Amino acid sequence: MISIRRMTAEDISVSQALLSQLGYPLDAQEVQRRYDAVAVSTDHTLMVAEEAGRVIALCHVYVRPALDKPPEAIVQALVVDQACRGNGVGKIMMAAAELWAAERGFSSVALSSNISRNDAHAFYKALDYKWEATSHLFRKTLD
């Protein structure tokens, strides 16, 4: 049985491992720093999925107010443990993200997915997410 709950500080180490599977190798202190910054905001939620007491997925969703786009919820991160993929966990997590958004009055949920993640694209399309745009991310590192 899979259950969804709010992520806690005790989930930092398993979240670090999950983020690494997604291609974001961070040390525990950095995951803790980011968790601390996000967890206090009412415009963000951090959820984990558990099965038999073991965390197997995480999802970060936040509210995006904008002038150029509709106000909506954004799935910033979704990662399911590699050993559990294809078993419906991601679908359950996305349903929880959509419920969180709907409870806050939003009529849409959006997300970005790296162009190389073909399996993820198929997953989102199967959940009726539509490909809306292609863009480039530009970043400047500040000293």
Protein backbone atom coordinates (compact mmCIF):
# COMPACT_ATOMS: atom_id res chain seq x y z
CA MET A 1 0.00 0.00 0.00
CA ILE A 2 1.37 3.38 -1.01
CA SER A 3 0.72 6.39 1.21
CA ILE A 4 1.47 10.06 0.61
CA ARG A 5 2.59 12.37 3.38
CA ARG A 6 4.33 15.68 3.84
CA MET A 7 8.12 15.44 3.66
CA THR A 8 9.95 16.00 6.95
CA ALA A 9 13.57 16.73 7.85
CA GLU A 10 13.97 13.03 8.62
CA ASP A 11 13.52 12.36 4.88
CA ILE A 12 16.59 14.38 3.86
CA SER A 13 18.95 11.42 3.31
CA VAL A 14 16.52 9.40 1.21
CA SER A 15 15.57 12.55 -0.70
CA GLN A 16 19.26 13.12 -1.40
CA ALA A 17 19.47 9.62 -2.91
CA LEU A 18 16.32 10.14 -4.98
CA LEU A 19 17.53 13.50 -6.32
CA SER A 20 20.81 11.84 -7.25
CA GLN A 21 18.89 9.25 -9.30
CA LEU A 22 17.30 12.14 -11.16
CA GLY A 23 20.74 13.57 -11.97
CA TYR A 24 21.12 16.07 -9.14
CA PRO A 25 23.97 14.82 -6.92
CA LEU A 26 23.82 17.06 -3.85
CA ASP A 27 25.44 16.64 -0.46
CA ALA A 28 23.20 16.22 2.57
CA GLN A 29 23.89 19.74 3.85
CA GLU A 30 22.73 21.26 0.56
CA VAL A 31 19.55 19.17 0.52
CA GLN A 32 18.93 20.25 4.12
CA ARG A 33 19.49 23.92 3.22
CA ARG A 34 17.07 23.70 0.29
CA TYR A 35 14.51 21.76 2.34
CA ASP A 36 14.65 24.40 5.09
CA ALA A 37 14.04 27.18 2.57
CA VAL A 38 11.09 25.47 0.89
CA ALA A 39 9.40 23.76 3.85
CA VAL A 40 8.49 27.03 5.57
CA SER A 41 6.57 28.43 2.59
CA THR A 42 2.81 27.95 2.40
CA ASP A 43 3.09 28.37 -1.38
CA HIS A 44 5.14 25.17 -1.64
CA THR A 45 4.55 21.57 -0.69
CA LEU A 46 7.02 18.73 -0.39
CA MET A 47 5.44 15.28 -0.48
CA VAL A 48 6.86 11.79 -0.21
CA ALA A 49 5.35 8.43 -1.07
CA GLU A 50 5.94 5.53 1.28
CA GLU A 51 5.51 1.82 0.78
CA ALA A 52 6.00 -0.54 3.72
CA GLY A 53 7.52 2.35 5.71
CA ARG A 54 10.13 3.16 3.05
CA VAL A 55 10.17 6.45 1.13
CA ILE A 56 10.08 5.63 -2.58
CA ALA A 57 9.25 8.97 -4.21
CA LEU A 58 9.21 12.69 -3.68
CA CYS A 59 7.36 15.59 -5.25
CA HIS A 60 7.83 19.34 -4.90
CA VAL A 61 4.96 21.57 -6.04
CA TYR A 62 4.65 25.32 -5.72
CA VAL A 63 2.34 28.19 -6.63
CA ARG A 64 3.45 30.37 -9.53
CA PRO A 65 1.77 33.73 -9.82
CA ALA A 66 2.67 35.35 -13.14
CA LEU A 67 1.66 38.13 -15.48
CA ASP A 68 2.40 36.29 -18.72
CA LYS A 69 0.94 32.89 -17.81
CA PRO A 70 -2.09 31.78 -15.86
CA PRO A 71 -1.57 31.49 -12.13
CA GLU A 72 -1.03 27.79 -11.60
CA ALA A 73 0.75 25.12 -9.63
CA ILE A 74 4.14 23.99 -10.87
CA VAL A 75 5.59 20.54 -10.30
CA GLN A 76 9.21 21.48 -9.70
CA ALA A 77 10.44 17.96 -9.04
CA LEU A 78 9.04 14.47 -9.20
CA VAL A 79 11.26 11.46 -8.71
CA VAL A 80 10.33 7.85 -8.10
CA ASP A 81 12.96 5.40 -6.93
CA GLN A 82 14.35 3.54 -9.95
CA ALA A 83 13.37 0.20 -8.40
CA CYS A 84 9.73 1.31 -8.14
CA ARG A 85 9.16 2.96 -11.51
CA GLY A 86 6.36 1.64 -13.67
CA ASN A 87 4.28 0.57 -10.67
CA GLY A 88 1.90 3.55 -10.48
CA VAL A 89 3.78 5.54 -7.84
CA GLY A 90 4.37 8.51 -10.13
CA LYS A 91 0.69 8.56 -11.08
CA ILE A 92 -0.27 8.63 -7.39
CA MET A 93 2.19 11.45 -6.72
CA MET A 94 0.89 13.50 -9.65
CA ALA A 95 -2.69 12.97 -8.46
CA ALA A 96 -1.63 14.32 -5.04
CA ALA A 97 0.02 17.33 -6.73
CA GLU A 98 -3.13 18.00 -8.74
CA LEU A 99 -5.30 17.72 -5.63
CA TRP A 100 -3.03 20.17 -3.79
CA ALA A 101 -3.41 22.61 -6.70
CA ALA A 102 -7.19 22.18 -6.96
CA GLU A 103 -7.61 22.72 -3.20
CA ARG A 104 -5.94 26.09 -3.68
CA GLY A 105 -8.25 27.08 -6.51
CA PHE A 106 -5.90 26.50 -9.44
CA SER A 107 -7.28 25.17 -12.70
CA SER A 108 -3.99 23.93 -14.12
CA VAL A 109 -0.70 22.28 -13.23
CA ALA A 110 2.44 22.73 -15.30
CA LEU A 111 5.92 21.26 -15.28
CA SER A 112 9.13 21.16 -17.25
CA SER A 113 10.92 18.01 -18.29
CA ASN A 114 14.41 17.78 -19.71
CA ILE A 115 14.38 17.17 -23.44
CA SER A 116 16.32 13.91 -22.96
CA ARG A 117 13.77 12.31 -20.59
CA ASN A 118 11.67 10.46 -23.14
CA ASP A 119 10.21 8.04 -20.58
CA ALA A 120 9.08 10.97 -18.44
CA HIS A 121 7.49 12.64 -21.46
CA ALA A 122 5.50 9.49 -22.23
CA PHE A 123 4.45 9.29 -18.58
CA TYR A 124 3.14 12.87 -18.51
CA LYS A 125 1.36 12.47 -21.85
CA ALA A 126 -0.37 9.35 -20.47
CA LEU A 127 -1.65 11.57 -17.63
CA ASP A 128 -3.13 14.00 -20.21
CA TYR A 129 -0.43 16.63 -19.88
CA LYS A 130 0.03 18.44 -23.19
CA TRP A 131 3.32 19.60 -24.66
CA GLU A 132 2.91 23.38 -24.69
CA ALA A 133 6.32 24.83 -25.49
CA THR A 134 10.01 24.27 -25.99
CA SER A 135 12.44 26.73 -24.50
CA HIS A 136 16.02 27.18 -23.43
CA LEU A 137 17.09 27.77 -19.85
CA PHE A 138 19.68 30.49 -19.46
CA ARG A 139 21.61 30.84 -16.20
CA LYS A 140 24.31 33.21 -15.04
CA THR A 141 26.33 32.21 -12.01
CA LEU A 142 26.83 35.15 -9.68
CA ASP A 143 30.06 35.42 -7.74
